C-alpha atoms as a PDB file:
ATOM      1  CA  MET A   1       0.000   0.000   0.000  1.00  0.00           C
ATOM      2  CA  LYS A   2       1.316   3.426  -0.902  1.00  0.00           C
ATOM      3  CA  SER A   3       1.653   6.007   1.884  1.00  0.00           C
ATOM      4  CA  ARG A   4      -0.899   8.803   1.942  1.00  0.00           C
ATOM      5  CA  LEU A   5       0.042  12.182   3.346  1.00  0.00           C
ATOM      6  CA  ARG A   6      -1.894  15.352   4.191  1.00  0.00           C
ATOM      7  CA  VAL A   7      -0.192  18.737   3.784  1.00  0.00           C
ATOM      8  CA  THR A   8       0.130  20.647   7.096  1.00  0.00           C
ATOM      9  CA  GLN A   9       2.238  23.573   5.781  1.00  0.00           C
ATOM     10  CA  SER A  10       1.998  25.085   2.301  1.00  0.00           C
ATOM     11  CA  PHE A  11       4.951  24.420  -0.002  1.00  0.00           C
ATOM     12  CA  SER A  12       5.942  24.162  -3.646  1.00  0.00           C
ATOM     13  CA  ALA A  13       7.721  21.254  -5.318  1.00  0.00           C
ATOM     14  CA  GLN A  14       9.393  20.683  -8.654  1.00  0.00           C
ATOM     15  CA  HIS A  15       7.586  18.716 -11.357  1.00  0.00           C
ATOM     16  CA  SER A  16       9.643  15.558 -11.976  1.00  0.00           C
ATOM     17  CA  ALA A  17       9.768  15.978 -15.776  1.00  0.00           C
ATOM     18  CA  SER A  18      10.370  19.726 -16.062  1.00  0.00           C
ATOM     19  CA  ARG A  19      11.377  22.886 -14.217  1.00  0.00           C
ATOM     20  CA  ALA A  20       7.749  23.743 -13.474  1.00  0.00           C
ATOM     21  CA  ARG A  21       6.699  23.905  -9.834  1.00  0.00           C
ATOM     22  CA  GLY A  22       3.432  22.897  -8.238  1.00  0.00           C
ATOM     23  CA  ASN A  23       1.953  24.644  -5.208  1.00  0.00           C
ATOM     24  CA  PHE A  24       0.469  22.557  -2.418  1.00  0.00           C
ATOM     25  CA  ALA A  25      -1.946  23.997   0.143  1.00  0.00           C
ATOM     26  CA  VAL A  26      -2.828  22.862   3.653  1.00  0.00           C
ATOM     27  CA  GLY A  27      -5.219  19.914   3.424  1.00  0.00           C
ATOM     28  CA  ASP A  28      -4.072  18.621   0.018  1.00  0.00           C
ATOM     29  CA  LEU A  29      -3.722  14.836  -0.074  1.00  0.00           C
ATOM     30  CA  LEU A  30      -0.589  13.247  -1.548  1.00  0.00           C
ATOM     31  CA  VAL A  31       0.445   9.675  -2.342  1.00  0.00           C
ATOM     32  CA  LEU A  32       4.112   8.674  -2.228  1.00  0.00           C
ATOM     33  CA  GLN A  33       5.307   6.754  -5.272  1.00  0.00           C
ATOM     34  CA  GLU A  34       7.558   3.685  -5.149  1.00  0.00           C
ATOM     35  CA  GLY A  35      11.264   4.264  -4.550  1.00  0.00           C
ATOM     36  CA  THR A  36      13.245   7.436  -3.994  1.00  0.00           C
ATOM     37  CA  GLU A  37      15.364   9.515  -6.287  1.00  0.00           C
ATOM     38  CA  ASP A  38      19.168   9.239  -6.015  1.00  0.00           C
ATOM     39  CA  SER A  39      19.458  12.684  -4.434  1.00  0.00           C
ATOM     40  CA  GLY A  40      17.324  11.857  -1.370  1.00  0.00           C
ATOM     41  CA  GLN A  41      14.160  13.285  -2.858  1.00  0.00           C
ATOM     42  CA  LEU A  42      10.773  11.610  -2.661  1.00  0.00           C
ATOM     43  CA  ARG A  43       8.410  11.320  -5.625  1.00  0.00           C
ATOM     44  CA  PHE A  44       4.713  11.922  -5.001  1.00  0.00           C
ATOM     45  CA  VAL A  45       1.450  12.758  -6.739  1.00  0.00           C
ATOM     46  CA  ARG A  46      -1.490  14.909  -5.609  1.00  0.00           C
ATOM     47  CA  VAL A  47      -4.668  12.886  -4.917  1.00  0.00           C
ATOM     48  CA  ASN A  48      -7.241  15.654  -4.698  1.00  0.00           C
ATOM     49  CA  GLY A  49      -7.420  18.692  -6.909  1.00  0.00           C
ATOM     50  CA  LEU A  50      -6.787  16.977 -10.233  1.00  0.00           C
ATOM     51  CA  ARG A  51      -6.626  19.639 -12.891  1.00  0.00           C
ATOM     52  CA  PRO A  52      -9.218  18.914 -15.619  1.00  0.00           C
ATOM     53  CA  ASN A  53      -7.444  21.124 -18.129  1.00  0.00           C
ATOM     54  CA  LEU A  54      -4.112  19.351 -17.590  1.00  0.00           C
ATOM     55  CA  GLY A  55      -5.357  15.773 -17.486  1.00  0.00           C
ATOM     56  CA  ARG A  56      -3.492  13.381 -15.223  1.00  0.00           C
ATOM     57  CA  GLU A  57      -1.739  14.953 -12.241  1.00  0.00           C
ATOM     58  CA  PRO A  58       2.060  14.946 -12.704  1.00  0.00           C
ATOM     59  CA  HIS A  59       4.658  13.594 -10.294  1.00  0.00           C
ATOM     60  CA  TYR A  60       6.578  16.006  -8.094  1.00  0.00           C
ATOM     61  CA  LEU A  61       9.902  15.795  -6.243  1.00  0.00           C
ATOM     62  CA  LEU A  62      10.823  17.212  -2.832  1.00  0.00           C
ATOM     63  CA  GLU A  63      13.589  16.602  -0.310  1.00  0.00           C
ATOM     64  CA  SER A  64      12.619  13.785   2.038  1.00  0.00           C
ATOM     65  CA  ASP A  65      13.190  15.829   5.231  1.00  0.00           C
ATOM     66  CA  GLU A  66      11.181  18.798   3.978  1.00  0.00           C
ATOM     67  CA  LEU A  67       8.268  16.593   2.896  1.00  0.00           C
ATOM     68  CA  GLN A  68       8.175  14.904   6.313  1.00  0.00           C
ATOM     69  CA  GLN A  69       8.155  18.298   8.078  1.00  0.00           C
ATOM     70  CA  LYS A  70       5.302  19.687   5.980  1.00  0.00           C
ATOM     71  CA  THR A  71       2.995  16.662   5.892  1.00  0.00           C
ATOM     72  CA  GLU A  72       1.402  14.100   8.195  1.00  0.00           C
ATOM     73  CA  LYS A  73       0.407  10.489   7.550  1.00  0.00           C
ATOM     74  CA  VAL A  74      -3.282   9.852   6.926  1.00  0.00           C
END
Protein backbone atom coordinates (compact mmCIF):
# COMPACT_ATOMS: atom_id res chain seq x y z
CA MET A 1 0.00 0.00 0.00
CA LYS A 2 1.32 3.43 -0.90
CA SER A 3 1.65 6.01 1.88
CA ARG A 4 -0.90 8.80 1.94
CA LEU A 5 0.04 12.18 3.35
CA ARG A 6 -1.89 15.35 4.19
CA VAL A 7 -0.19 18.74 3.78
CA THR A 8 0.13 20.65 7.10
CA GLN A 9 2.24 23.57 5.78
CA SER A 10 2.00 25.09 2.30
CA PHE A 11 4.95 24.42 0.00
CA SER A 12 5.94 24.16 -3.65
CA ALA A 13 7.72 21.25 -5.32
CA GLN A 14 9.39 20.68 -8.65
CA HIS A 15 7.59 18.72 -11.36
CA SER A 16 9.64 15.56 -11.98
CA ALA A 17 9.77 15.98 -15.78
CA SER A 18 10.37 19.73 -16.06
CA ARG A 19 11.38 22.89 -14.22
CA ALA A 20 7.75 23.74 -13.47
CA ARG A 21 6.70 23.90 -9.83
CA GLY A 22 3.43 22.90 -8.24
CA ASN A 23 1.95 24.64 -5.21
CA PHE A 24 0.47 22.56 -2.42
CA ALA A 25 -1.95 24.00 0.14
CA VAL A 26 -2.83 22.86 3.65
CA GLY A 27 -5.22 19.91 3.42
CA ASP A 28 -4.07 18.62 0.02
CA LEU A 29 -3.72 14.84 -0.07
CA LEU A 30 -0.59 13.25 -1.55
CA VAL A 31 0.45 9.67 -2.34
CA LEU A 32 4.11 8.67 -2.23
CA GLN A 33 5.31 6.75 -5.27
CA GLU A 34 7.56 3.68 -5.15
CA GLY A 35 11.26 4.26 -4.55
CA THR A 36 13.25 7.44 -3.99
CA GLU A 37 15.36 9.51 -6.29
CA ASP A 38 19.17 9.24 -6.01
CA SER A 39 19.46 12.68 -4.43
CA GLY A 40 17.32 11.86 -1.37
CA GLN A 41 14.16 13.28 -2.86
CA LEU A 42 10.77 11.61 -2.66
CA ARG A 43 8.41 11.32 -5.62
CA PHE A 44 4.71 11.92 -5.00
CA VAL A 45 1.45 12.76 -6.74
CA ARG A 46 -1.49 14.91 -5.61
CA VAL A 47 -4.67 12.89 -4.92
CA ASN A 48 -7.24 15.65 -4.70
CA GLY A 49 -7.42 18.69 -6.91
CA LEU A 50 -6.79 16.98 -10.23
CA ARG A 51 -6.63 19.64 -12.89
CA PRO A 52 -9.22 18.91 -15.62
CA ASN A 53 -7.44 21.12 -18.13
CA LEU A 54 -4.11 19.35 -17.59
CA GLY A 55 -5.36 15.77 -17.49
CA ARG A 56 -3.49 13.38 -15.22
CA GLU A 57 -1.74 14.95 -12.24
CA PRO A 58 2.06 14.95 -12.70
CA HIS A 59 4.66 13.59 -10.29
CA TYR A 60 6.58 16.01 -8.09
CA LEU A 61 9.90 15.79 -6.24
CA LEU A 62 10.82 17.21 -2.83
CA GLU A 63 13.59 16.60 -0.31
CA SER A 64 12.62 13.79 2.04
CA ASP A 65 13.19 15.83 5.23
CA GLU A 66 11.18 18.80 3.98
CA LEU A 67 8.27 16.59 2.90
CA GLN A 68 8.17 14.90 6.31
CA GLN A 69 8.15 18.30 8.08
CA LYS A 70 5.30 19.69 5.98
CA THR A 71 3.00 16.66 5.89
CA GLU A 72 1.40 14.10 8.20
CA LYS A 73 0.41 10.49 7.55
CA VAL A 74 -3.28 9.85 6.93
